[in-house]
N, C-alpha and C. Protein backbone atom coordinates (compact mmCIF):
# COMPACT_ATOMS: atom_id res chain seq x y z
N MET A 1 -51.74 14.02 -6.32
CA MET A 1 -50.30 13.92 -5.91
C MET A 1 -49.81 12.41 -6.85
N ILE A 2 -48.68 12.51 -6.47
CA ILE A 2 -48.10 11.33 -7.19
C ILE A 2 -47.68 10.00 -6.25
N LYS A 3 -48.01 9.33 -6.94
CA LYS A 3 -47.97 7.97 -6.15
C LYS A 3 -46.62 7.26 -6.84
N PHE A 4 -45.55 6.39 -6.30
CA PHE A 4 -44.83 5.96 -6.42
C PHE A 4 -44.76 4.33 -5.81
N LYS A 5 -44.23 3.59 -7.13
CA LYS A 5 -44.21 1.91 -6.37
C LYS A 5 -43.37 1.78 -5.35
N PRO A 6 -43.14 0.85 -4.71
CA PRO A 6 -42.22 0.71 -3.24
C PRO A 6 -40.99 0.36 -4.22
N SER A 7 -41.06 -0.40 -5.30
CA SER A 7 -39.62 -0.76 -5.70
C SER A 7 -39.12 0.50 -6.06
N ILE A 8 -39.53 1.94 -6.75
CA ILE A 8 -39.21 3.04 -6.90
C ILE A 8 -38.56 3.46 -5.94
N ILE A 9 -39.35 3.88 -4.75
CA ILE A 9 -39.04 4.12 -3.61
C ILE A 9 -37.49 3.80 -3.03
N LEU A 10 -37.79 2.05 -2.96
CA LEU A 10 -36.44 1.97 -2.41
C LEU A 10 -35.37 1.99 -3.31
N THR A 11 -35.32 1.98 -4.96
CA THR A 11 -34.43 2.66 -5.34
C THR A 11 -33.77 4.12 -5.20
N ILE A 12 -34.82 4.63 -5.43
CA ILE A 12 -34.78 6.08 -4.94
C ILE A 12 -33.73 6.32 -3.33
N VAL A 13 -34.18 5.20 -2.52
CA VAL A 13 -33.66 5.52 -1.29
C VAL A 13 -31.62 5.02 -1.49
N GLY A 14 -31.75 3.91 -2.09
CA GLY A 14 -30.72 3.21 -2.17
C GLY A 14 -29.70 4.70 -3.13
N LEU A 15 -30.17 4.57 -3.91
CA LEU A 15 -29.62 6.19 -4.63
C LEU A 15 -28.74 7.06 -3.95
N ILE A 16 -29.78 7.55 -2.92
CA ILE A 16 -29.52 8.68 -2.25
C ILE A 16 -28.25 8.01 -1.02
N THR A 17 -28.49 6.95 -0.78
CA THR A 17 -27.35 6.55 0.43
C THR A 17 -26.62 6.33 -0.43
N VAL A 18 -25.94 5.85 -1.37
CA VAL A 18 -24.49 5.85 -1.95
C VAL A 18 -24.03 6.86 -2.60
N LEU A 19 -25.28 8.38 -2.71
CA LEU A 19 -24.57 9.68 -3.10
C LEU A 19 -23.82 9.91 -1.51
N ILE A 20 -24.78 9.68 -0.44
CA ILE A 20 -24.59 10.38 0.72
C ILE A 20 -23.07 9.66 0.95
N SER A 21 -22.94 8.50 0.95
CA SER A 21 -21.94 7.63 1.55
C SER A 21 -20.26 7.87 0.55
N SER A 22 -20.85 7.85 -0.91
CA SER A 22 -19.27 8.41 -1.45
C SER A 22 -18.87 10.08 -1.00
N GLN A 23 -19.87 10.80 -0.65
CA GLN A 23 -19.84 12.25 -0.30
C GLN A 23 -19.00 11.86 1.27
N VAL A 24 -19.62 10.96 1.99
CA VAL A 24 -18.84 10.73 3.08
C VAL A 24 -17.04 10.17 2.76
N HIS A 25 -17.34 9.73 1.49
CA HIS A 25 -15.96 8.50 1.54
C HIS A 25 -14.82 10.15 1.08
N SER A 26 -15.39 10.59 0.41
CA SER A 26 -14.80 11.70 -0.55
C SER A 26 -14.40 12.96 0.53
N ASP A 27 -15.06 13.07 1.61
CA ASP A 27 -14.82 14.17 2.65
C ASP A 27 -13.24 13.59 3.79
N THR A 28 -13.61 12.50 3.84
CA THR A 28 -12.55 11.94 4.80
C THR A 28 -11.42 11.78 4.56
N VAL A 29 -11.34 11.23 2.94
CA VAL A 29 -10.18 11.00 2.14
C VAL A 29 -9.60 11.70 1.45
N PRO A 30 -8.68 12.85 1.78
CA PRO A 30 -8.32 13.82 0.80
C PRO A 30 -7.70 13.17 -0.67
N GLN A 31 -8.11 14.36 -1.21
CA GLN A 31 -8.05 14.09 -3.45
C GLN A 31 -6.98 13.77 -3.47
N ASP A 32 -5.79 14.21 -2.79
CA ASP A 32 -4.38 13.44 -2.82
C ASP A 32 -4.05 12.46 -2.62
N SER A 33 -4.52 11.91 -1.86
CA SER A 33 -4.53 10.70 -1.00
C SER A 33 -3.95 9.41 -2.13
N ILE A 34 -3.48 8.32 -1.64
CA ILE A 34 -3.54 7.22 -2.31
C ILE A 34 -4.53 6.03 -2.10
N TYR A 35 -5.45 6.35 -0.80
CA TYR A 35 -6.28 5.98 -0.24
C TYR A 35 -7.73 6.24 -1.12
N GLN A 36 -7.86 7.11 -2.30
CA GLN A 36 -8.80 7.19 -2.84
C GLN A 36 -8.64 6.03 -4.19
N LEU A 37 -7.68 5.24 -4.18
CA LEU A 37 -7.89 3.99 -5.02
C LEU A 37 -8.83 2.93 -3.87
N ASP A 38 -9.77 2.52 -4.96
CA ASP A 38 -10.78 1.87 -4.31
C ASP A 38 -10.32 0.13 -4.44
N SER A 39 -8.91 -0.38 -4.70
CA SER A 39 -8.96 -1.54 -4.89
C SER A 39 -8.76 -2.52 -4.25
N THR A 40 -9.29 -3.39 -4.55
CA THR A 40 -8.86 -5.04 -2.80
C THR A 40 -7.72 -5.59 -3.51
N TRP A 41 -7.21 -5.66 -2.17
CA TRP A 41 -6.04 -6.51 -1.82
C TRP A 41 -6.12 -7.75 -1.08
N VAL A 42 -4.93 -8.51 -1.26
CA VAL A 42 -4.94 -10.24 0.04
C VAL A 42 -3.89 -9.70 0.60
N ASP A 43 -3.78 -9.72 1.87
CA ASP A 43 -2.93 -9.67 2.65
C ASP A 43 -1.93 -10.88 2.74
N GLN A 44 -0.65 -10.98 3.78
CA GLN A 44 0.28 -11.93 3.64
C GLN A 44 -0.70 -13.25 4.75
N ASP A 45 -1.80 -12.82 4.86
CA ASP A 45 -2.69 -13.89 6.15
C ASP A 45 -4.12 -14.14 5.31
N GLY A 46 -4.17 -13.83 4.17
CA GLY A 46 -5.40 -14.19 3.32
C GLY A 46 -6.58 -12.88 3.67
N ASN A 47 -6.03 -11.98 3.96
CA ASN A 47 -7.50 -11.06 4.18
C ASN A 47 -7.61 -9.75 3.27
N LYS A 48 -8.23 -9.65 3.16
CA LYS A 48 -8.88 -8.54 2.17
C LYS A 48 -8.98 -7.88 2.44
N ARG A 49 -7.80 -6.46 1.90
CA ARG A 49 -7.87 -5.07 2.32
C ARG A 49 -7.62 -3.97 1.32
N LEU A 50 -8.51 -3.13 1.66
CA LEU A 50 -8.52 -1.67 0.69
C LEU A 50 -7.52 -0.71 1.43
N LEU A 51 -6.78 -0.06 0.69
CA LEU A 51 -5.60 0.97 1.15
C LEU A 51 -5.98 1.65 1.95
N LYS A 52 -7.63 2.38 1.80
CA LYS A 52 -7.96 3.22 2.93
C LYS A 52 -7.52 2.85 4.45
N SER A 53 -7.65 1.03 4.22
CA SER A 53 -7.83 0.28 5.71
C SER A 53 -6.34 0.88 6.60
N PHE A 54 -5.26 1.30 5.90
CA PHE A 54 -3.97 1.36 6.66
C PHE A 54 -4.05 3.29 6.57
N SER A 55 -5.17 3.65 6.89
CA SER A 55 -5.03 5.34 7.30
C SER A 55 -4.87 5.13 8.88
N GLY A 56 -4.14 6.26 9.37
CA GLY A 56 -4.32 6.44 10.74
C GLY A 56 -2.65 6.55 11.37
N LYS A 57 -2.07 5.82 10.27
CA LYS A 57 -0.27 5.74 10.69
C LYS A 57 0.57 6.12 9.62
N LYS A 58 1.52 6.77 9.67
CA LYS A 58 2.60 7.13 8.73
C LYS A 58 2.82 5.13 7.38
N GLN A 59 2.91 5.74 6.65
CA GLN A 59 3.36 4.22 5.77
C GLN A 59 4.79 4.47 4.97
N LEU A 60 5.51 3.28 5.34
CA LEU A 60 6.39 3.41 4.23
C LEU A 60 6.18 2.26 3.06
N ILE A 61 5.72 2.47 1.97
CA ILE A 61 5.63 1.35 0.89
C ILE A 61 6.57 1.16 -0.31
N SER A 62 6.46 0.02 -0.88
CA SER A 62 7.86 -0.21 -1.99
C SER A 62 6.83 -1.50 -2.97
N LEU A 63 7.01 -1.27 -4.17
CA LEU A 63 6.86 -2.49 -4.69
C LEU A 63 8.04 -3.29 -5.03
N ILE A 64 7.65 -4.59 -4.96
CA ILE A 64 8.82 -5.81 -4.84
C ILE A 64 7.96 -7.02 -5.48
N TYR A 65 9.26 -8.12 -5.57
CA TYR A 65 8.31 -9.19 -5.73
C TYR A 65 9.69 -10.38 -5.13
N THR A 66 8.97 -11.30 -4.52
CA THR A 66 9.65 -12.34 -3.52
C THR A 66 11.03 -13.31 -3.93
N HIS A 67 10.50 -12.93 -4.77
CA HIS A 67 11.50 -14.10 -5.55
C HIS A 67 13.03 -13.26 -6.58
N CYS A 68 12.85 -12.17 -6.30
CA CYS A 68 13.89 -10.94 -7.07
C CYS A 68 15.44 -11.44 -6.34
N LEU A 69 16.33 -11.51 -7.10
CA LEU A 69 17.29 -11.11 -6.18
C LEU A 69 18.47 -10.34 -6.71
N HIS A 70 17.92 -9.06 -6.55
CA HIS A 70 18.59 -8.09 -6.99
C HIS A 70 18.21 -7.02 -6.12
N THR A 71 17.14 -5.74 -6.87
CA THR A 71 17.28 -5.00 -6.23
C THR A 71 16.33 -5.06 -5.10
N CYS A 72 15.22 -5.79 -5.25
CA CYS A 72 14.03 -6.06 -4.01
C CYS A 72 14.69 -6.83 -2.23
N PRO A 73 15.78 -7.59 -2.42
CA PRO A 73 15.91 -7.36 -0.84
C PRO A 73 16.97 -6.10 -0.54
N THR A 74 17.29 -5.37 -0.98
CA THR A 74 17.56 -4.17 -0.45
C THR A 74 16.99 -3.25 -0.60
N ILE A 75 16.05 -3.05 -0.93
CA ILE A 75 14.43 -2.39 -0.89
C ILE A 75 14.03 -2.82 0.87
N VAL A 76 14.19 -4.02 0.77
CA VAL A 76 13.37 -4.62 1.90
C VAL A 76 14.24 -4.36 3.07
N SER A 77 15.81 -4.43 3.56
CA SER A 77 16.40 -4.60 4.06
C SER A 77 16.39 -2.57 4.40
N THR A 78 16.59 -2.14 3.49
CA THR A 78 16.84 -0.24 3.47
C THR A 78 15.37 -0.20 4.34
N MET A 79 14.11 -0.80 4.38
CA MET A 79 13.12 -0.39 4.98
C MET A 79 12.90 -0.96 6.50
N GLN A 80 14.23 -2.18 6.62
CA GLN A 80 13.79 -2.69 7.84
C GLN A 80 15.15 -1.55 8.72
N ALA A 81 15.94 -1.20 7.95
CA ALA A 81 17.04 -0.12 8.30
C ALA A 81 16.23 1.15 9.26
N ILE A 82 15.36 1.54 8.37
CA ILE A 82 14.72 2.84 8.88
C ILE A 82 14.02 2.50 9.46
N GLU A 83 13.33 1.10 9.96
CA GLU A 83 12.54 0.69 10.84
C GLU A 83 13.42 0.36 12.36
N SER A 84 14.09 0.10 12.27
CA SER A 84 15.70 -0.16 13.44
C SER A 84 15.94 1.41 14.04
N LYS A 85 15.55 1.93 13.02
CA LYS A 85 16.15 3.47 13.52
C LYS A 85 15.35 4.73 13.68
N LEU A 86 13.88 4.16 13.88
CA LEU A 86 12.97 4.87 14.35
C LEU A 86 12.97 5.32 15.73
N SER A 87 12.35 6.50 16.31
CA SER A 87 12.37 6.54 17.49
C SER A 87 10.87 6.25 18.04
N LYS A 88 10.96 5.80 19.57
CA LYS A 88 9.70 4.94 19.88
C LYS A 88 8.17 5.67 19.37
N GLN A 89 8.51 6.67 19.17
CA GLN A 89 7.05 7.21 19.31
C GLN A 89 7.03 7.48 17.44
N ASP A 90 7.78 7.23 16.79
CA ASP A 90 7.93 7.41 15.33
C ASP A 90 7.44 5.57 14.99
N ALA A 91 8.27 4.60 15.58
CA ALA A 91 7.78 3.36 15.70
C ALA A 91 6.55 2.64 15.55
N LYS A 92 5.89 3.56 16.79
CA LYS A 92 4.24 3.15 16.91
C LYS A 92 3.85 3.73 15.96
N ASN A 93 4.14 4.54 14.99
CA ASN A 93 3.21 5.33 14.29
C ASN A 93 3.48 5.33 12.93
N THR A 94 4.27 4.29 12.39
CA THR A 94 4.95 4.35 11.20
C THR A 94 4.75 2.74 11.05
N SER A 95 3.95 2.40 9.57
CA SER A 95 3.92 0.71 9.57
C SER A 95 4.53 0.70 8.16
N PHE A 96 4.95 -0.59 7.70
CA PHE A 96 5.40 -0.99 6.31
C PHE A 96 4.68 -1.95 5.47
N ILE A 97 4.54 -1.40 4.15
CA ILE A 97 3.64 -2.18 2.99
C ILE A 97 4.86 -2.60 2.32
N LEU A 98 4.31 -3.72 1.52
CA LEU A 98 5.33 -4.55 0.23
C LEU A 98 4.30 -5.05 -0.45
N VAL A 99 4.20 -4.35 -1.67
CA VAL A 99 3.56 -4.89 -3.03
C VAL A 99 3.75 -5.80 -4.07
N SER A 100 3.48 -6.94 -3.70
CA SER A 100 3.87 -7.92 -4.77
C SER A 100 3.86 -7.08 -6.60
N LEU A 101 5.00 -7.24 -6.89
CA LEU A 101 5.01 -7.02 -8.80
C LEU A 101 4.54 -8.31 -9.65
N THR A 102 4.38 -9.25 -8.59
CA THR A 102 3.96 -10.34 -9.69
C THR A 102 2.97 -11.01 -8.98
N PRO A 103 1.64 -10.89 -9.37
CA PRO A 103 0.74 -11.48 -8.14
C PRO A 103 0.41 -12.77 -8.84
N ASP A 104 0.74 -13.29 -9.87
CA ASP A 104 0.10 -14.34 -10.51
C ASP A 104 1.38 -15.46 -9.14
N THR A 105 2.14 -15.26 -8.88
CA THR A 105 3.28 -16.25 -8.33
C THR A 105 3.36 -15.64 -6.75
N ASP A 106 2.89 -14.38 -6.17
CA ASP A 106 3.57 -13.73 -5.08
C ASP A 106 1.50 -14.22 -4.41
N THR A 107 1.51 -15.40 -3.83
CA THR A 107 -0.03 -15.92 -3.36
C THR A 107 0.37 -15.01 -1.81
N PRO A 108 -0.73 -15.33 -1.40
CA PRO A 108 -0.67 -14.89 0.26
C PRO A 108 0.67 -15.87 1.00
N GLU A 109 0.14 -17.12 0.51
CA GLU A 109 1.23 -18.15 1.25
C GLU A 109 2.61 -18.03 1.04
N VAL A 110 2.60 -17.28 -0.09
CA VAL A 110 4.50 -17.14 -0.47
C VAL A 110 4.87 -15.64 0.04
N LEU A 111 4.01 -14.60 0.11
CA LEU A 111 4.30 -13.50 1.05
C LEU A 111 4.25 -13.74 2.15
N LYS A 112 3.62 -14.84 2.89
CA LYS A 112 3.89 -15.16 4.24
C LYS A 112 5.25 -16.18 4.66
N GLU A 113 5.60 -16.82 3.54
CA GLU A 113 6.63 -17.52 3.88
C GLU A 113 7.75 -16.31 3.74
N PHE A 114 7.86 -15.68 2.89
CA PHE A 114 8.76 -14.43 2.58
C PHE A 114 8.97 -13.56 3.80
N ALA A 115 8.07 -13.02 4.36
CA ALA A 115 8.07 -11.88 5.98
C ALA A 115 8.36 -12.96 6.53
N GLN A 116 8.08 -14.33 6.65
CA GLN A 116 8.74 -14.74 8.02
C GLN A 116 10.26 -15.14 7.66
N SER A 117 11.21 -15.49 6.50
CA SER A 117 12.36 -15.90 6.30
C SER A 117 12.78 -14.14 5.87
N ARG A 118 12.31 -13.28 6.34
CA ARG A 118 13.09 -11.67 6.45
C ARG A 118 12.83 -11.13 7.72
N LYS A 119 11.77 -12.30 8.52
CA LYS A 119 11.55 -11.48 9.99
C LYS A 119 11.35 -10.52 10.18
N LEU A 120 9.72 -10.16 9.38
CA LEU A 120 8.70 -8.77 9.30
C LEU A 120 7.77 -9.19 10.07
N SER A 121 7.83 -8.45 11.09
CA SER A 121 6.37 -8.59 12.00
C SER A 121 5.19 -8.46 11.67
N SER A 122 4.29 -8.82 11.18
CA SER A 122 3.19 -9.21 11.03
C SER A 122 2.28 -7.87 11.53
N ASN A 123 2.86 -7.58 12.88
CA ASN A 123 2.15 -6.37 13.54
C ASN A 123 2.46 -4.75 13.19
N ASN A 124 3.56 -4.54 12.28
CA ASN A 124 3.70 -3.44 11.69
C ASN A 124 4.38 -3.61 9.50
N TRP A 125 4.01 -4.79 9.63
CA TRP A 125 4.18 -5.18 7.66
C TRP A 125 3.25 -5.46 7.23
N SER A 126 2.82 -5.09 6.20
CA SER A 126 1.68 -6.21 5.40
C SER A 126 2.30 -6.36 4.16
N LEU A 127 1.97 -7.41 3.73
CA LEU A 127 2.27 -7.48 2.77
C LEU A 127 1.15 -8.02 1.36
N LEU A 128 1.15 -7.38 0.27
CA LEU A 128 -0.05 -7.27 -0.27
C LEU A 128 -0.10 -7.97 -1.78
N THR A 129 -0.78 -8.88 -2.37
CA THR A 129 -0.87 -9.03 -3.78
C THR A 129 -2.24 -8.85 -4.02
N GLY A 130 -2.14 -8.30 -5.26
CA GLY A 130 -3.60 -8.03 -5.97
C GLY A 130 -3.63 -8.61 -7.51
N THR A 131 -4.82 -7.69 -8.13
CA THR A 131 -4.66 -8.25 -9.41
C THR A 131 -3.81 -7.37 -10.07
N PRO A 132 -3.20 -8.05 -11.28
CA PRO A 132 -2.33 -7.30 -12.55
C PRO A 132 -2.70 -5.52 -12.63
N GLU A 133 -3.80 -5.56 -13.15
CA GLU A 133 -4.77 -3.83 -13.22
C GLU A 133 -4.45 -3.33 -12.16
N ASP A 134 -4.49 -3.98 -10.77
CA ASP A 134 -4.52 -2.68 -9.66
C ASP A 134 -2.85 -2.66 -9.18
N VAL A 135 -1.97 -3.54 -9.57
CA VAL A 135 -0.74 -3.07 -9.25
C VAL A 135 -0.13 -2.30 -10.29
N ARG A 136 -0.79 -2.48 -11.09
CA ARG A 136 -0.40 -0.93 -12.58
C ARG A 136 -0.95 0.42 -12.02
N SER A 137 -2.11 0.58 -11.30
CA SER A 137 -2.97 1.27 -10.70
C SER A 137 -1.71 2.03 -9.89
N LEU A 138 -1.43 1.04 -8.58
CA LEU A 138 -1.04 1.66 -7.79
C LEU A 138 0.77 2.20 -8.13
N ALA A 139 0.99 1.71 -9.23
CA ALA A 139 2.11 1.68 -9.21
C ALA A 139 2.34 3.25 -10.60
N MET A 140 1.65 3.23 -11.06
CA MET A 140 1.19 4.62 -11.75
C MET A 140 1.07 5.81 -10.75
N VAL A 141 0.35 5.54 -9.55
CA VAL A 141 -0.01 6.59 -8.78
C VAL A 141 0.89 7.08 -7.84
N LEU A 142 2.13 6.20 -7.57
CA LEU A 142 3.41 5.95 -6.92
C LEU A 142 4.69 6.09 -7.72
N ASN A 143 4.29 6.73 -8.83
CA ASN A 143 5.56 6.83 -10.03
C ASN A 143 6.77 5.87 -10.20
N VAL A 144 6.37 4.50 -9.87
CA VAL A 144 6.83 3.45 -9.89
C VAL A 144 7.04 2.83 -11.21
N LYS A 145 8.22 2.54 -12.36
CA LYS A 145 7.88 2.29 -13.38
C LYS A 145 8.57 0.67 -13.36
N PHE A 146 7.82 -0.47 -14.20
CA PHE A 146 7.88 -1.87 -13.94
C PHE A 146 7.92 -2.20 -15.44
N GLN A 147 8.60 -3.30 -15.75
CA GLN A 147 8.25 -3.77 -16.58
C GLN A 147 8.78 -5.45 -17.16
N SER A 148 8.10 -6.45 -16.99
CA SER A 148 7.95 -7.62 -16.74
C SER A 148 8.90 -8.45 -18.04
N VAL A 149 10.05 -9.16 -17.72
CA VAL A 149 10.77 -9.41 -18.63
C VAL A 149 10.96 -11.08 -18.44
N ASP A 150 11.81 -11.97 -19.24
CA ASP A 150 12.10 -13.22 -19.35
C ASP A 150 12.11 -14.00 -17.56
N ASP A 151 11.27 -14.99 -17.34
CA ASP A 151 11.59 -16.14 -16.53
C ASP A 151 10.45 -15.38 -15.56
N ASN A 152 9.72 -14.88 -15.41
CA ASN A 152 8.41 -14.02 -14.53
C ASN A 152 9.95 -12.79 -13.37
N GLU A 153 10.78 -12.27 -13.90
CA GLU A 153 11.56 -11.67 -13.50
C GLU A 153 11.02 -9.90 -13.89
N VAL A 154 11.06 -9.06 -13.12
CA VAL A 154 10.42 -7.84 -13.39
C VAL A 154 12.15 -6.33 -13.42
N ASN A 155 12.16 -5.51 -14.29
CA ASN A 155 12.58 -4.88 -13.95
C ASN A 155 11.46 -3.40 -13.75
N HIS A 156 12.35 -2.98 -12.05
CA HIS A 156 11.26 -1.87 -11.45
C HIS A 156 11.80 -0.79 -10.89
N SER A 157 11.44 0.27 -10.90
CA SER A 157 11.87 1.62 -10.34
C SER A 157 12.55 0.95 -8.44
N ASN A 158 13.48 1.38 -7.61
CA ASN A 158 13.99 0.95 -6.85
C ASN A 158 13.67 2.42 -5.97
N LEU A 159 12.03 2.04 -5.34
CA LEU A 159 11.52 3.30 -4.85
C LEU A 159 10.90 2.97 -3.33
N ILE A 160 10.80 3.71 -2.50
CA ILE A 160 10.28 3.90 -1.11
C ILE A 160 9.20 4.73 -1.31
N THR A 161 8.04 4.69 -0.52
CA THR A 161 7.08 5.97 -0.37
C THR A 161 6.79 6.13 0.74
N ALA A 162 6.73 6.95 1.08
CA ALA A 162 6.19 7.62 2.64
C ALA A 162 5.54 8.41 2.36
N LEU A 163 4.10 7.79 2.92
CA LEU A 163 2.79 8.15 3.32
C LEU A 163 2.43 9.09 4.26
N ASP A 164 1.54 9.93 4.65
CA ASP A 164 1.21 10.53 5.49
C ASP A 164 -0.14 9.76 6.24
N GLN A 165 -0.51 10.13 7.34
CA GLN A 165 -1.69 9.07 8.00
C GLN A 165 -2.93 9.40 6.76
N GLN A 166 -3.14 10.33 6.15
CA GLN A 166 -4.14 10.10 5.56
C GLN A 166 -3.71 9.55 3.68
N GLY A 167 -2.55 9.10 3.83
CA GLY A 167 -2.29 8.34 2.53
C GLY A 167 -1.46 9.43 1.13
N ARG A 168 -1.34 10.55 1.84
CA ARG A 168 -0.88 11.53 0.61
C ARG A 168 0.89 11.05 0.70
N ILE A 169 1.31 11.35 -0.22
CA ILE A 169 3.04 11.16 -0.55
C ILE A 169 3.63 12.26 0.12
N LYS A 170 4.15 12.00 0.86
CA LYS A 170 5.16 13.20 1.82
C LYS A 170 6.37 13.16 0.71
N PHE A 171 7.21 11.65 0.40
CA PHE A 171 8.40 11.87 -0.10
C PHE A 171 8.79 10.60 -0.98
N GLN A 172 9.65 10.10 -1.34
CA GLN A 172 10.15 9.25 -2.33
C GLN A 172 11.88 9.13 -1.54
N GLU A 173 12.08 8.04 -1.37
CA GLU A 173 13.80 7.91 -1.52
C GLU A 173 14.22 6.64 -2.05
N LEU A 174 15.31 6.34 -2.49
CA LEU A 174 15.76 5.41 -2.96
C LEU A 174 16.23 4.55 -1.94
N GLY A 175 15.88 2.92 -2.80
CA GLY A 175 15.55 2.22 -1.65
C GLY A 175 16.93 1.21 -1.62
N VAL A 176 18.25 2.15 -0.93
CA VAL A 176 19.17 1.73 -0.70
C VAL A 176 20.08 2.17 0.55
N LEU A 177 20.98 1.25 1.34
CA LEU A 177 20.74 1.39 2.45
C LEU A 177 21.44 2.70 3.44
N TYR A 178 22.07 3.59 2.05
CA TYR A 178 22.51 4.62 2.86
C TYR A 178 21.46 5.78 2.84
N ASN A 179 20.58 5.66 2.03
CA ASN A 179 19.26 6.72 2.45
C ASN A 179 18.09 6.47 3.90
N ALA A 180 18.36 4.99 4.66
CA ALA A 180 17.75 5.14 5.73
C ALA A 180 17.71 6.29 6.71
N ASN A 181 18.77 6.94 7.09
CA ASN A 181 19.17 8.12 8.28
C ASN A 181 18.13 8.98 7.30
N LYS A 182 18.12 9.20 6.40
CA LYS A 182 17.72 10.47 5.60
C LYS A 182 16.11 10.42 5.71
N ALA A 183 15.65 9.12 5.36
CA ALA A 183 14.07 8.80 5.62
C ALA A 183 13.69 8.60 6.72
N VAL A 184 14.19 8.55 7.85
CA VAL A 184 13.94 8.41 9.11
C VAL A 184 13.94 10.09 9.82
N GLU A 185 15.14 10.97 9.27
CA GLU A 185 14.92 12.31 9.38
C GLU A 185 13.65 13.08 9.02
N LYS A 186 13.12 12.40 7.97
CA LYS A 186 11.88 13.00 7.51
C LYS A 186 10.63 12.27 7.74
N LEU A 187 10.93 11.25 8.18
CA LEU A 187 9.54 11.16 8.49
C LEU A 187 9.31 11.47 9.69
N SER A 188 10.28 11.91 10.60
CA SER A 188 9.99 12.62 12.20
C SER A 188 9.65 13.88 12.05
N GLU A 189 9.56 14.44 10.58
CA GLU A 189 9.05 15.80 10.37
C GLU A 189 7.60 16.28 10.06
N PHE A 190 6.93 14.87 10.05
CA PHE A 190 5.61 14.79 9.72
C PHE A 190 4.68 14.22 10.56
């Protein structure tokens, strides 16, 4: 009979637990879901969030930065127009996520001020900041191109991405007001 030290047994039990929990995670989150990204974000209220915490509702997500004077205000206005045009049922099942492209300056406090100035309800809108590496990873998954330029400005894609309840990309639209009706129609189809 082979005898194991208690520490070895605990190590083996720990490894089995990790394997089982990772299998459960991969079974509950589809392989093509952005919720597979395990990065930790901080929202406008200072709460740590994983992307998978947004599962269960449709999500409209875009990458912006709060001090932008060009594209970002249009993206946010388009998302607000989409929100205002949703049916009651779709409004109840859809939330909105804005992720900062300038995480060094878009702190949770700055994000909260931005949300208040744009009248973004904390019940339906989440503004996230994270590490530059996590922002880059998410941007790559969403096919959002961006490049920092002078004075903390960012050139970036003007995209709004719709995710289903499990974090799979269903469609992308340019973040311009004339696309709001089209996005609302597409959201009602899944």
